[in-house]
Amino acid sequence: MSATRYTYLGPEGTFTEAALRTLPEAATRELTPMVSVPAALDAVRNGQAGAALVPIENSVEGGVTATLDQLATGEPLMIYREVVLPIAFALLVRPGTQLADVKTVTGHPVAQPQVRNWLAAHLPEAVWESAASNADGARLVQEGRYDAAFAGAFAAATYGLEPLVTEIHDAQNAATRFVLVGRPARPSAPTGADKTSVVIWMGDDHPGALLELLQEFAVRGVNLMRIESRPTGTGIGNYCFSVDAEGHIADRRMGEALMGLKRICPKIRFLGSYPRAGVAPEDVAPARTGTSDHDFTDASDWLVRVQDGRG
């Protein structure tokens, strides 16, 4: 495996590249843009790269389905890090272009809901066409195929464009979460501010089936941070669930919750336990009464004493 190469959703100038460059190790890696999320992850699967950084969640649009589906299928991969990047768009144009000249605009499909109100207010007649990424949209503007692209202002110089308008966002504090994905290995040690990601498949469909899955987390005091249903591809109404939960697989409450799911689910895929971006251990709420590692150990010891007649 090429451990010195990291891939990312390209081309150059994407928000994904900007997020990747915030990682300290990026300075010592060969950063290779790829045309799509599947291509970036496949490079890890086939050994052409040691890791890939891809978007997984947006605060406005929700989960990035291409990433969620790729992590749920194919050869297993594992998440090792996450990066949360504030997102604000610039309207990039060829030099000399005025706002009145903009008749066609482009950008990644996830960008459109984040600038929809701005477009309606300032370019109500402009036609939107989706691009493979925001940076690819900038490239298409450079080639003359569109009048303007929504991308990061930092992409302008790469493609010989100018930011006509900056700091465009319909939602304040909009952000995108990215994950660094590699081949499966032993998770890093708990930090006290961790997140665990899994994909869960339900068994037979019956009233309360989803509730049964959620209760495995709830009764052990594991807080869910995100849950999304995704079609399995096996027929209408067949779904799996992509879940982010607060805690580390080494935590007793998390480990027992995952064991409980393993007992009742036909399939569960562990995607990793990793540090939460921008969260320190002191920022994490203490475990509820009865759900700390000490509580689990104390209960286990009590059961052994009772079984031995020493209760």
C-alpha atoms as a PDB file:
ATOM      1  CA  MET A   1       0.000   0.000   0.000  1.00  0.00           C
ATOM      2  CA  SER A   2       1.186   3.510  -0.810  1.00  0.00           C
ATOM      3  CA  ALA A   3       1.100   4.917   2.716  1.00  0.00           C
ATOM      4  CA  THR A   4       2.547   8.231   1.532  1.00  0.00           C
ATOM      5  CA  ARG A   5      -0.366   9.039  -0.804  1.00  0.00           C
ATOM      6  CA  TYR A   6      -3.731  10.430   0.254  1.00  0.00           C
ATOM      7  CA  THR A   7      -6.559  10.802  -2.230  1.00  0.00           C
ATOM      8  CA  TYR A   8      -9.461  13.242  -2.031  1.00  0.00           C
ATOM      9  CA  LEU A   9     -12.511  14.387  -3.982  1.00  0.00           C
ATOM     10  CA  GLY A  10     -11.011  16.622  -6.647  1.00  0.00           C
ATOM     11  CA  PRO A  11     -10.038  18.354  -8.766  1.00  0.00           C
ATOM     12  CA  GLU A  12      -7.678  20.807  -7.083  1.00  0.00           C
ATOM     13  CA  GLY A  13      -9.421  23.628  -5.267  1.00  0.00           C
ATOM     14  CA  THR A  14     -12.286  21.694  -3.630  1.00  0.00           C
ATOM     15  CA  PHE A  15     -13.400  22.191  -0.062  1.00  0.00           C
ATOM     16  CA  THR A  16     -12.287  18.588   0.447  1.00  0.00           C
ATOM     17  CA  GLU A  17      -8.715  19.552  -0.443  1.00  0.00           C
ATOM     18  CA  ALA A  18      -8.926  22.537   1.912  1.00  0.00           C
ATOM     19  CA  ALA A  19     -10.115  20.212   4.708  1.00  0.00           C
ATOM     20  CA  LEU A  20      -7.359  17.682   3.969  1.00  0.00           C
ATOM     21  CA  ARG A  21      -4.679  20.353   4.206  1.00  0.00           C
ATOM     22  CA  THR A  22      -5.751  21.114   7.781  1.00  0.00           C
ATOM     23  CA  LEU A  23      -4.381  17.708   8.856  1.00  0.00           C
ATOM     24  CA  PRO A  24      -0.757  17.917  10.062  1.00  0.00           C
ATOM     25  CA  GLU A  25       0.252  14.781   8.142  1.00  0.00           C
ATOM     26  CA  ALA A  26      -0.918  16.293   4.849  1.00  0.00           C
ATOM     27  CA  ALA A  27       2.351  18.217   4.640  1.00  0.00           C
ATOM     28  CA  THR A  28       4.260  14.941   4.298  1.00  0.00           C
ATOM     29  CA  ARG A  29       1.860  13.125   1.949  1.00  0.00           C
ATOM     30  CA  GLU A  30       1.347  13.126  -1.804  1.00  0.00           C
ATOM     31  CA  LEU A  31      -2.172  14.539  -2.204  1.00  0.00           C
ATOM     32  CA  THR A  32      -3.927  13.145  -5.277  1.00  0.00           C
ATOM     33  CA  PRO A  33      -7.287  14.472  -6.491  1.00  0.00           C
ATOM     34  CA  MET A  34      -9.819  11.945  -7.787  1.00  0.00           C
ATOM     35  CA  VAL A  35     -12.875  12.456  -9.974  1.00  0.00           C
ATOM     36  CA  SER A  36     -15.388  11.065  -7.472  1.00  0.00           C
ATOM     37  CA  VAL A  37     -15.871   9.735  -3.953  1.00  0.00           C
ATOM     38  CA  PRO A  38     -15.937   6.110  -5.199  1.00  0.00           C
ATOM     39  CA  ALA A  39     -12.671   6.657  -7.085  1.00  0.00           C
ATOM     40  CA  ALA A  40     -10.995   8.152  -4.004  1.00  0.00           C
ATOM     41  CA  LEU A  41     -12.082   5.232  -1.809  1.00  0.00           C
ATOM     42  CA  ASP A  42     -11.287   2.575  -4.430  1.00  0.00           C
ATOM     43  CA  ALA A  43      -7.702   3.869  -4.508  1.00  0.00           C
ATOM     44  CA  VAL A  44      -7.490   2.924  -0.819  1.00  0.00           C
ATOM     45  CA  ARG A  45      -9.122  -0.453  -1.376  1.00  0.00           C
ATOM     46  CA  ASN A  46      -6.711  -1.433  -4.161  1.00  0.00           C
ATOM     47  CA  GLY A  47      -3.600  -0.197  -2.363  1.00  0.00           C
ATOM     48  CA  GLN A  48      -2.880   2.871  -4.503  1.00  0.00           C
ATOM     49  CA  ALA A  49      -3.342   5.153  -1.487  1.00  0.00           C
ATOM     50  CA  GLY A  50      -2.984   4.890   2.257  1.00  0.00           C
ATOM     51  CA  ALA A  51      -6.084   6.957   2.997  1.00  0.00           C
ATOM     52  CA  ALA A  52      -8.760   9.121   1.409  1.00  0.00           C
ATOM     53  CA  LEU A  53     -10.542  12.214   2.677  1.00  0.00           C
ATOM     54  CA  VAL A  54     -14.167  12.454   1.562  1.00  0.00           C
ATOM     55  CA  PRO A  55     -17.219  14.505   2.618  1.00  0.00           C
ATOM     56  CA  ILE A  56     -19.797  12.616   4.669  1.00  0.00           C
ATOM     57  CA  GLU A  57     -22.208  15.159   6.169  1.00  0.00           C
ATOM     58  CA  ASN A  58     -23.353  18.718   5.578  1.00  0.00           C
ATOM     59  CA  SER A  59     -25.138  20.824   8.189  1.00  0.00           C
ATOM     60  CA  VAL A  60     -27.658  22.049   5.590  1.00  0.00           C
ATOM     61  CA  GLU A  61     -28.218  19.080   3.288  1.00  0.00           C
ATOM     62  CA  GLY A  62     -27.470  16.173   5.640  1.00  0.00           C
ATOM     63  CA  GLY A  63     -25.554  13.037   4.703  1.00  0.00           C
ATOM     64  CA  VAL A  64     -23.472  12.775   1.541  1.00  0.00           C
ATOM     65  CA  THR A  65     -25.099   9.703   0.033  1.00  0.00           C
ATOM     66  CA  ALA A  66     -22.184   8.752  -2.226  1.00  0.00           C
ATOM     67  CA  THR A  67     -19.922   8.388   0.808  1.00  0.00           C
ATOM     68  CA  LEU A  68     -22.512   6.687   3.025  1.00  0.00           C
ATOM     69  CA  ASP A  69     -23.262   4.084   0.346  1.00  0.00           C
ATOM     70  CA  GLN A  70     -19.605   3.442  -0.464  1.00  0.00           C
ATOM     71  CA  LEU A  71     -18.773   2.819   3.194  1.00  0.00           C
ATOM     72  CA  ALA A  72     -21.746   0.473   3.588  1.00  0.00           C
ATOM     73  CA  THR A  73     -20.851  -1.726   0.608  1.00  0.00           C
ATOM     74  CA  GLY A  74     -17.814  -3.285  -1.032  1.00  0.00           C
ATOM     75  CA  GLU A  75     -14.561  -4.181   0.672  1.00  0.00           C
ATOM     76  CA  PRO A  76     -14.666  -2.817   4.247  1.00  0.00           C
ATOM     77  CA  LEU A  77     -12.971   0.476   5.081  1.00  0.00           C
ATOM     78  CA  MET A  78     -12.560   2.301   8.377  1.00  0.00           C
ATOM     79  CA  ILE A  79     -12.751   5.934   9.507  1.00  0.00           C
ATOM     80  CA  TYR A  80      -9.724   7.232  11.432  1.00  0.00           C
ATOM     81  CA  ARG A  81     -10.225  11.000  11.637  1.00  0.00           C
ATOM     82  CA  GLU A  82     -12.845  13.640  10.976  1.00  0.00           C
ATOM     83  CA  VAL A  83     -12.527  17.268   9.927  1.00  0.00           C
ATOM     84  CA  VAL A  84     -15.297  19.866  10.212  1.00  0.00           C
ATOM     85  CA  LEU A  85     -14.842  22.801   7.836  1.00  0.00           C
ATOM     86  CA  PRO A  86     -16.953  26.001   7.855  1.00  0.00           C
ATOM     87  CA  ILE A  87     -18.391  26.512   4.370  1.00  0.00           C
ATOM     88  CA  ALA A  88     -18.939  29.813   2.587  1.00  0.00           C
ATOM     89  CA  PHE A  89     -19.121  30.098  -1.196  1.00  0.00           C
ATOM     90  CA  ALA A  90     -17.791  32.616  -3.656  1.00  0.00           C
ATOM     91  CA  LEU A  91     -19.292  33.266  -7.079  1.00  0.00           C
ATOM     92  CA  LEU A  92     -16.304  32.696  -9.388  1.00  0.00           C
ATOM     93  CA  VAL A  93     -16.321  34.250 -12.864  1.00  0.00           C
ATOM     94  CA  ARG A  94     -13.942  34.916 -15.731  1.00  0.00           C
ATOM     95  CA  PRO A  95     -12.218  38.318 -15.473  1.00  0.00           C
ATOM     96  CA  GLY A  96     -14.450  41.130 -16.662  1.00  0.00           C
ATOM     97  CA  THR A  97     -17.733  39.332 -16.016  1.00  0.00           C
ATOM     98  CA  GLN A  98     -20.405  41.395 -14.244  1.00  0.00           C
ATOM     99  CA  LEU A  99     -23.336  40.061 -12.230  1.00  0.00           C
ATOM    100  CA  ALA A 100     -25.730  41.049 -15.025  1.00  0.00           C
ATOM    101  CA  ASP A 101     -23.738  38.857 -17.429  1.00  0.00           C
ATOM    102  CA  VAL A 102     -24.331  35.672 -15.421  1.00  0.00           C
ATOM    103  CA  LYS A 103     -26.980  33.532 -17.128  1.00  0.00           C
ATOM    104  CA  THR A 104     -25.709  30.054 -16.194  1.00  0.00           C
ATOM    105  CA  VAL A 105     -24.206  28.869 -12.904  1.00  0.00           C
ATOM    106  CA  THR A 106     -22.765  25.567 -11.732  1.00  0.00           C
ATOM    107  CA  GLY A 107     -21.521  23.793  -8.610  1.00  0.00           C
ATOM    108  CA  HIS A 108     -21.750  20.513  -6.730  1.00  0.00           C
ATOM    109  CA  PRO A 109     -25.365  19.391  -6.099  1.00  0.00           C
ATOM    110  CA  VAL A 110     -24.804  19.682  -2.332  1.00  0.00           C
ATOM    111  CA  ALA A 111     -23.939  23.369  -2.819  1.00  0.00           C
ATOM    112  CA  GLN A 112     -27.274  24.285  -4.408  1.00  0.00           C
ATOM    113  CA  PRO A 113     -29.424  24.126  -1.232  1.00  0.00           C
ATOM    114  CA  GLN A 114     -26.836  26.257   0.546  1.00  0.00           C
ATOM    115  CA  VAL A 115     -27.090  29.151  -1.960  1.00  0.00           C
ATOM    116  CA  ARG A 116     -30.690  28.775  -3.184  1.00  0.00           C
ATOM    117  CA  ASN A 117     -32.014  31.902  -1.447  1.00  0.00           C
ATOM    118  CA  TRP A 118     -29.059  33.988  -2.588  1.00  0.00           C
ATOM    119  CA  LEU A 119     -29.626  32.853  -6.169  1.00  0.00           C
ATOM    120  CA  ALA A 120     -33.332  33.700  -5.989  1.00  0.00           C
ATOM    121  CA  ALA A 121     -32.533  37.174  -4.678  1.00  0.00           C
ATOM    122  CA  HIS A 122     -29.619  38.092  -6.972  1.00  0.00           C
ATOM    123  CA  LEU A 123     -29.771  35.818 -10.036  1.00  0.00           C
ATOM    124  CA  PRO A 124     -33.405  34.709 -10.298  1.00  0.00           C
ATOM    125  CA  GLU A 125     -33.167  33.980 -14.049  1.00  0.00           C
ATOM    126  CA  ALA A 126     -29.866  32.072 -13.937  1.00  0.00           C
ATOM    127  CA  VAL A 127     -29.945  28.421 -14.946  1.00  0.00           C
ATOM    128  CA  TRP A 128     -28.263  25.949 -12.575  1.00  0.00           C
ATOM    129  CA  GLU A 129     -26.310  22.950 -13.895  1.00  0.00           C
ATOM    130  CA  SER A 130     -24.650  20.490 -11.515  1.00  0.00           C
ATOM    131  CA  ALA A 131     -20.920  19.688 -11.639  1.00  0.00           C
ATOM    132  CA  ALA A 132     -18.942  16.758 -10.229  1.00  0.00           C
ATOM    133  CA  SER A 133     -17.500  19.089  -7.582  1.00  0.00           C
ATOM    134  CA  ASN A 134     -17.368  22.807  -6.884  1.00  0.00           C
ATOM    135  CA  ALA A 135     -13.805  22.980  -8.194  1.00  0.00           C
ATOM    136  CA  ASP A 136     -14.834  21.108 -11.331  1.00  0.00           C
ATOM    137  CA  GLY A 137     -17.499  23.754 -11.779  1.00  0.00           C
ATOM    138  CA  ALA A 138     -14.760  26.386 -11.620  1.00  0.00           C
ATOM    139  CA  ARG A 139     -12.871  24.491 -14.324  1.00  0.00           C
ATOM    140  CA  LEU A 140     -15.984  24.469 -16.521  1.00  0.00           C
ATOM    141  CA  VAL A 141     -16.300  28.242 -16.105  1.00  0.00           C
ATOM    142  CA  GLN A 142     -12.640  28.617 -17.084  1.00  0.00           C
ATOM    143  CA  GLU A 143     -13.404  26.636 -20.253  1.00  0.00           C
ATOM    144  CA  GLY A 144     -16.340  28.935 -21.049  1.00  0.00           C
ATOM    145  CA  ARG A 145     -19.098  26.355 -20.579  1.00  0.00           C
ATOM    146  CA  TYR A 146     -20.797  28.323 -17.788  1.00  0.00           C
ATOM    147  CA  ASP A 147     -20.772  31.939 -16.703  1.00  0.00           C
ATOM    148  CA  ALA A 148     -20.149  31.387 -12.984  1.00  0.00           C
ATOM    149  CA  ALA A 149     -19.474  28.703 -10.402  1.00  0.00           C
ATOM    150  CA  PHE A 150     -20.102  28.446  -6.672  1.00  0.00           C
ATOM    151  CA  ALA A 151     -16.861  27.316  -5.056  1.00  0.00           C
ATOM    152  CA  GLY A 152     -14.385  28.294  -2.384  1.00  0.00           C
ATOM    153  CA  ALA A 153     -12.771  31.673  -2.981  1.00  0.00           C
ATOM    154  CA  PHE A 154      -9.389  29.916  -2.699  1.00  0.00           C
ATOM    155  CA  ALA A 155     -10.119  28.075  -5.977  1.00  0.00           C
ATOM    156  CA  ALA A 156     -10.156  31.277  -8.050  1.00  0.00           C
ATOM    157  CA  ALA A 157      -6.394  31.517  -8.598  1.00  0.00           C
ATOM    158  CA  THR A 158      -6.121  27.855  -9.604  1.00  0.00           C
ATOM    159  CA  TYR A 159      -8.550  28.338 -12.487  1.00  0.00           C
ATOM    160  CA  GLY A 160      -7.757  31.898 -13.509  1.00  0.00           C
ATOM    161  CA  LEU A 161     -11.058  33.246 -12.213  1.00  0.00           C
ATOM    162  CA  GLU A 162     -12.157  36.108 -10.007  1.00  0.00           C
ATOM    163  CA  PRO A 163     -14.476  36.001  -6.955  1.00  0.00           C
ATOM    164  CA  LEU A 164     -17.296  38.330  -8.004  1.00  0.00           C
ATOM    165  CA  VAL A 165     -19.140  37.870  -4.689  1.00  0.00           C
ATOM    166  CA  THR A 166     -17.817  36.208  -1.526  1.00  0.00           C
ATOM    167  CA  GLU A 167     -19.214  34.884   1.771  1.00  0.00           C
ATOM    168  CA  ILE A 168     -22.347  33.456   0.169  1.00  0.00           C
ATOM    169  CA  HIS A 169     -24.385  31.127   2.388  1.00  0.00           C
ATOM    170  CA  ASP A 170     -28.085  30.916   3.150  1.00  0.00           C
ATOM    171  CA  ALA A 171     -27.493  29.322   6.568  1.00  0.00           C
ATOM    172  CA  GLN A 172     -25.237  30.885   9.157  1.00  0.00           C
ATOM    173  CA  ASN A 173     -22.489  28.626  10.519  1.00  0.00           C
ATOM    174  CA  ALA A 174     -22.859  26.140   7.659  1.00  0.00           C
ATOM    175  CA  ALA A 175     -20.234  23.406   7.835  1.00  0.00           C
ATOM    176  CA  THR A 176     -19.295  20.139   6.161  1.00  0.00           C
ATOM    177  CA  ARG A 177     -17.840  17.109   7.922  1.00  0.00           C
ATOM    178  CA  PHE A 178     -15.142  15.105   6.173  1.00  0.00           C
ATOM    179  CA  VAL A 179     -13.680  11.729   7.179  1.00  0.00           C
ATOM    180  CA  LEU A 180     -10.239  10.241   6.648  1.00  0.00           C
ATOM    181  CA  VAL A 181     -10.769   6.639   5.550  1.00  0.00           C
ATOM    182  CA  GLY A 182      -8.246   3.796   5.390  1.00  0.00           C
ATOM    183  CA  ARG A 183      -8.046   0.010   5.425  1.00  0.00           C
ATOM    184  CA  PRO A 184      -9.424  -1.698   8.567  1.00  0.00           C
ATOM    185  CA  ALA A 185      -7.027  -1.949  11.516  1.00  0.00           C
ATOM    186  CA  ARG A 186      -7.095  -1.662  15.290  1.00  0.00           C
ATOM    187  CA  PRO A 187      -8.881   1.566  16.330  1.00  0.00           C
ATOM    188  CA  SER A 188      -6.792   4.223  18.016  1.00  0.00           C
ATOM    189  CA  ALA A 189      -6.961   4.496  21.800  1.00  0.00           C
ATOM    190  CA  PRO A 190      -9.903   6.360  23.346  1.00  0.00           C
ATOM    191  CA  THR A 191      -9.411  10.081  23.855  1.00  0.00           C
ATOM    192  CA  GLY A 192     -12.455  10.764  26.026  1.00  0.00           C
ATOM    193  CA  ALA A 193     -14.099  12.692  23.161  1.00  0.00           C
ATOM    194  CA  ASP A 194     -14.759  10.059  20.517  1.00  0.00           C
ATOM    195  CA  LYS A 195     -17.334   9.004  17.967  1.00  0.00           C
ATOM    196  CA  THR A 196     -18.206   5.520  16.712  1.00  0.00           C
ATOM    197  CA  SER A 197     -19.754   4.893  13.286  1.00  0.00           C
ATOM    198  CA  VAL A 198     -21.570   1.740  12.201  1.00  0.00           C
ATOM    199  CA  VAL A 199     -23.964   0.545   9.514  1.00  0.00           C
ATOM    200  CA  ILE A 200     -26.816  -1.665  10.743  1.00  0.00           C
ATOM    201  CA  TRP A 201     -29.096  -3.941   8.741  1.00  0.00           C
ATOM    202  CA  MET A 202     -32.490  -4.876  10.196  1.00  0.00           C
ATOM    203  CA  GLY A 203     -33.760  -8.430  10.179  1.00  0.00           C
ATOM    204  CA  ASP A 204     -37.407  -9.125   9.468  1.00  0.00           C
ATOM    205  CA  ASP A 205     -39.686  -6.127   9.164  1.00  0.00           C
ATOM    206  CA  HIS A 206     -42.175  -5.957  12.052  1.00  0.00           C
ATOM    207  CA  PRO A 207     -43.719  -3.291  14.304  1.00  0.00           C
ATOM    208  CA  GLY A 208     -41.047  -1.823  16.545  1.00  0.00           C
ATOM    209  CA  ALA A 209     -38.104  -3.295  14.590  1.00  0.00           C
ATOM    210  CA  LEU A 210     -36.237   0.027  14.450  1.00  0.00           C
ATOM    211  CA  LEU A 211     -37.106   0.749  18.082  1.00  0.00           C
ATOM    212  CA  GLU A 212     -35.448  -2.532  19.072  1.00  0.00           C
ATOM    213  CA  LEU A 213     -32.212  -1.385  17.417  1.00  0.00           C
ATOM    214  CA  LEU A 214     -32.333   2.023  19.058  1.00  0.00           C
ATOM    215  CA  GLN A 215     -32.988   0.516  22.479  1.00  0.00           C
ATOM    216  CA  GLU A 216     -29.660  -1.309  22.343  1.00  0.00           C
ATOM    217  CA  PHE A 217     -28.049   2.138  22.508  1.00  0.00           C
ATOM    218  CA  ALA A 218     -30.595   3.801  24.784  1.00  0.00           C
ATOM    219  CA  VAL A 219     -30.613   1.298  27.658  1.00  0.00           C
ATOM    220  CA  ARG A 220     -26.816   1.536  27.892  1.00  0.00           C
ATOM    221  CA  GLY A 221     -26.719   5.335  27.853  1.00  0.00           C
ATOM    222  CA  VAL A 222     -25.141   5.698  24.385  1.00  0.00           C
ATOM    223  CA  ASN A 223     -26.103   8.981  22.735  1.00  0.00           C
ATOM    224  CA  LEU A 224     -26.832   8.850  18.987  1.00  0.00           C
ATOM    225  CA  MET A 225     -25.438  11.806  17.040  1.00  0.00           C
ATOM    226  CA  ARG A 226     -26.761  10.887  13.578  1.00  0.00           C
ATOM    227  CA  ILE A 227     -28.944   8.162  12.068  1.00  0.00           C
ATOM    228  CA  GLU A 228     -29.888   7.930   8.398  1.00  0.00           C
ATOM    229  CA  SER A 229     -31.647   5.248   6.417  1.00  0.00           C
ATOM    230  CA  ARG A 230     -30.199   4.152   3.075  1.00  0.00           C
ATOM    231  CA  PRO A 231     -31.713   1.682   0.586  1.00  0.00           C
ATOM    232  CA  THR A 232     -29.956  -1.674   0.433  1.00  0.00           C
ATOM    233  CA  GLY A 233     -30.651  -2.115  -3.289  1.00  0.00           C
ATOM    234  CA  THR A 234     -32.522  -5.361  -2.672  1.00  0.00           C
ATOM    235  CA  GLY A 235     -36.029  -3.937  -3.118  1.00  0.00           C
ATOM    236  CA  ILE A 236     -38.450  -1.186  -2.168  1.00  0.00           C
ATOM    237  CA  GLY A 237     -38.703  -0.799   1.596  1.00  0.00           C
ATOM    238  CA  ASN A 238     -35.398  -2.534   2.388  1.00  0.00           C
ATOM    239  CA  TYR A 239     -33.076  -0.188   4.271  1.00  0.00           C
ATOM    240  CA  CYS A 240     -29.935  -0.179   6.334  1.00  0.00           C
ATOM    241  CA  PHE A 241     -29.079   2.524   8.868  1.00  0.00           C
ATOM    242  CA  SER A 242     -25.932   4.612   9.029  1.00  0.00           C
ATOM    243  CA  VAL A 243     -25.290   5.612  12.651  1.00  0.00           C
ATOM    244  CA  ASP A 244     -22.860   7.898  14.485  1.00  0.00           C
ATOM    245  CA  ALA A 245     -22.825   7.437  18.256  1.00  0.00           C
ATOM    246  CA  GLU A 246     -21.002   9.267  21.027  1.00  0.00           C
ATOM    247  CA  GLY A 247     -18.208   7.185  22.526  1.00  0.00           C
ATOM    248  CA  HIS A 248     -15.513   4.639  21.669  1.00  0.00           C
ATOM    249  CA  ILE A 249     -15.785   0.911  21.044  1.00  0.00           C
ATOM    250  CA  ALA A 250     -13.458   0.422  24.025  1.00  0.00           C
ATOM    251  CA  ASP A 251     -16.098   2.008  26.299  1.00  0.00           C
ATOM    252  CA  ARG A 252     -18.082  -0.722  28.048  1.00  0.00           C
ATOM    253  CA  ARG A 253     -21.452   0.839  27.206  1.00  0.00           C
ATOM    254  CA  MET A 254     -20.561   1.135  23.510  1.00  0.00           C
ATOM    255  CA  GLY A 255     -19.069  -2.351  23.310  1.00  0.00           C
ATOM    256  CA  GLU A 256     -22.123  -3.917  24.923  1.00  0.00           C
ATOM    257  CA  ALA A 257     -24.485  -1.936  22.673  1.00  0.00           C
ATOM    258  CA  LEU A 258     -22.666  -3.221  19.589  1.00  0.00           C
ATOM    259  CA  MET A 259     -22.739  -6.778  20.938  1.00  0.00           C
ATOM    260  CA  GLY A 260     -26.486  -6.416  21.479  1.00  0.00           C
ATOM    261  CA  LEU A 261     -26.940  -5.275  17.886  1.00  0.00           C
ATOM    262  CA  LYS A 262     -24.791  -8.143  16.636  1.00  0.00           C
ATOM    263  CA  ARG A 263     -27.130 -10.604  18.368  1.00  0.00           C
ATOM    264  CA  ILE A 264     -30.319  -9.290  16.738  1.00  0.00           C
ATOM    265  CA  CYS A 265     -29.146  -7.939  13.371  1.00  0.00           C
ATOM    266  CA  PRO A 266     -28.328 -10.054  10.311  1.00  0.00           C
ATOM    267  CA  LYS A 267     -25.416  -7.739   9.534  1.00  0.00           C
ATOM    268  CA  ILE A 268     -23.510  -4.906  11.177  1.00  0.00           C
ATOM    269  CA  ARG A 269     -20.477  -3.110   9.770  1.00  0.00           C
ATOM    270  CA  PHE A 270     -18.110  -1.300  12.140  1.00  0.00           C
ATOM    271  CA  LEU A 271     -16.776   1.864  10.474  1.00  0.00           C
ATOM    272  CA  GLY A 272     -14.471   3.036  13.235  1.00  0.00           C
ATOM    273  CA  SER A 273     -14.041   4.797  16.570  1.00  0.00           C
ATOM    274  CA  TYR A 274     -12.165   8.075  16.201  1.00  0.00           C
ATOM    275  CA  PRO A 275     -11.665  11.492  17.860  1.00  0.00           C
ATOM    276  CA  ARG A 276     -14.442  14.044  17.437  1.00  0.00           C
ATOM    277  CA  ALA A 277     -13.312  17.154  15.589  1.00  0.00           C
ATOM    278  CA  GLY A 278     -13.016  20.253  17.749  1.00  0.00           C
ATOM    279  CA  VAL A 279     -14.238  18.548  20.938  1.00  0.00           C
ATOM    280  CA  ALA A 280     -12.086  18.145  24.060  1.00  0.00           C
ATOM    281  CA  PRO A 281     -12.731  15.507  26.750  1.00  0.00           C
ATOM    282  CA  GLU A 282     -13.811  18.201  29.210  1.00  0.00           C
ATOM    283  CA  ASP A 283     -16.522  19.275  26.747  1.00  0.00           C
ATOM    284  CA  VAL A 284     -18.183  15.835  26.850  1.00  0.00           C
ATOM    285  CA  ALA A 285     -21.048  15.368  29.289  1.00  0.00           C
ATOM    286  CA  PRO A 286     -20.324  12.740  31.971  1.00  0.00           C
ATOM    287  CA  ALA A 287     -21.908   9.309  31.590  1.00  0.00           C
ATOM    288  CA  ARG A 288     -25.374   8.957  33.052  1.00  0.00           C
ATOM    289  CA  THR A 289     -25.674   7.096  36.337  1.00  0.00           C
ATOM    290  CA  GLY A 290     -25.297   3.379  35.723  1.00  0.00           C
ATOM    291  CA  THR A 291     -23.574   3.686  32.313  1.00  0.00           C
ATOM    292  CA  SER A 292     -19.917   4.420  33.145  1.00  0.00           C
ATOM    293  CA  ASP A 293     -17.219   1.776  32.719  1.00  0.00           C
ATOM    294  CA  HIS A 294     -17.032   1.518  36.517  1.00  0.00           C
ATOM    295  CA  ASP A 295     -20.779   0.829  36.713  1.00  0.00           C
ATOM    296  CA  PHE A 296     -20.547  -1.944  34.121  1.00  0.00           C
ATOM    297  CA  THR A 297     -17.547  -3.511  35.873  1.00  0.00           C
ATOM    298  CA  ASP A 298     -19.218  -3.291  39.271  1.00  0.00           C
ATOM    299  CA  ALA A 299     -22.383  -4.972  37.927  1.00  0.00           C
ATOM    300  CA  SER A 300     -20.328  -7.722  36.290  1.00  0.00           C
ATOM    301  CA  ASP A 301     -18.409  -8.365  39.499  1.00  0.00           C
ATOM    302  CA  TRP A 302     -21.675  -8.509  41.456  1.00  0.00           C
ATOM    303  CA  LEU A 303     -23.081 -11.123  39.049  1.00  0.00           C
ATOM    304  CA  VAL A 304     -19.988 -13.290  39.469  1.00  0.00           C
ATOM    305  CA  ARG A 305     -20.262 -13.080  43.260  1.00  0.00           C
ATOM    306  CA  VAL A 306     -23.911 -14.076  43.141  1.00  0.00           C
ATOM    307  CA  GLN A 307     -23.182 -17.015  40.819  1.00  0.00           C
ATOM    308  CA  ASP A 308     -20.444 -18.127  43.209  1.00  0.00           C
ATOM    309  CA  GLY A 309     -22.756 -17.928  46.219  1.00  0.00           C
ATOM    310  CA  ARG A 310     -21.010 -14.836  47.585  1.00  0.00           C
ATOM    311  CA  GLY A 311     -23.742 -12.346  46.738  1.00  0.00           C
END
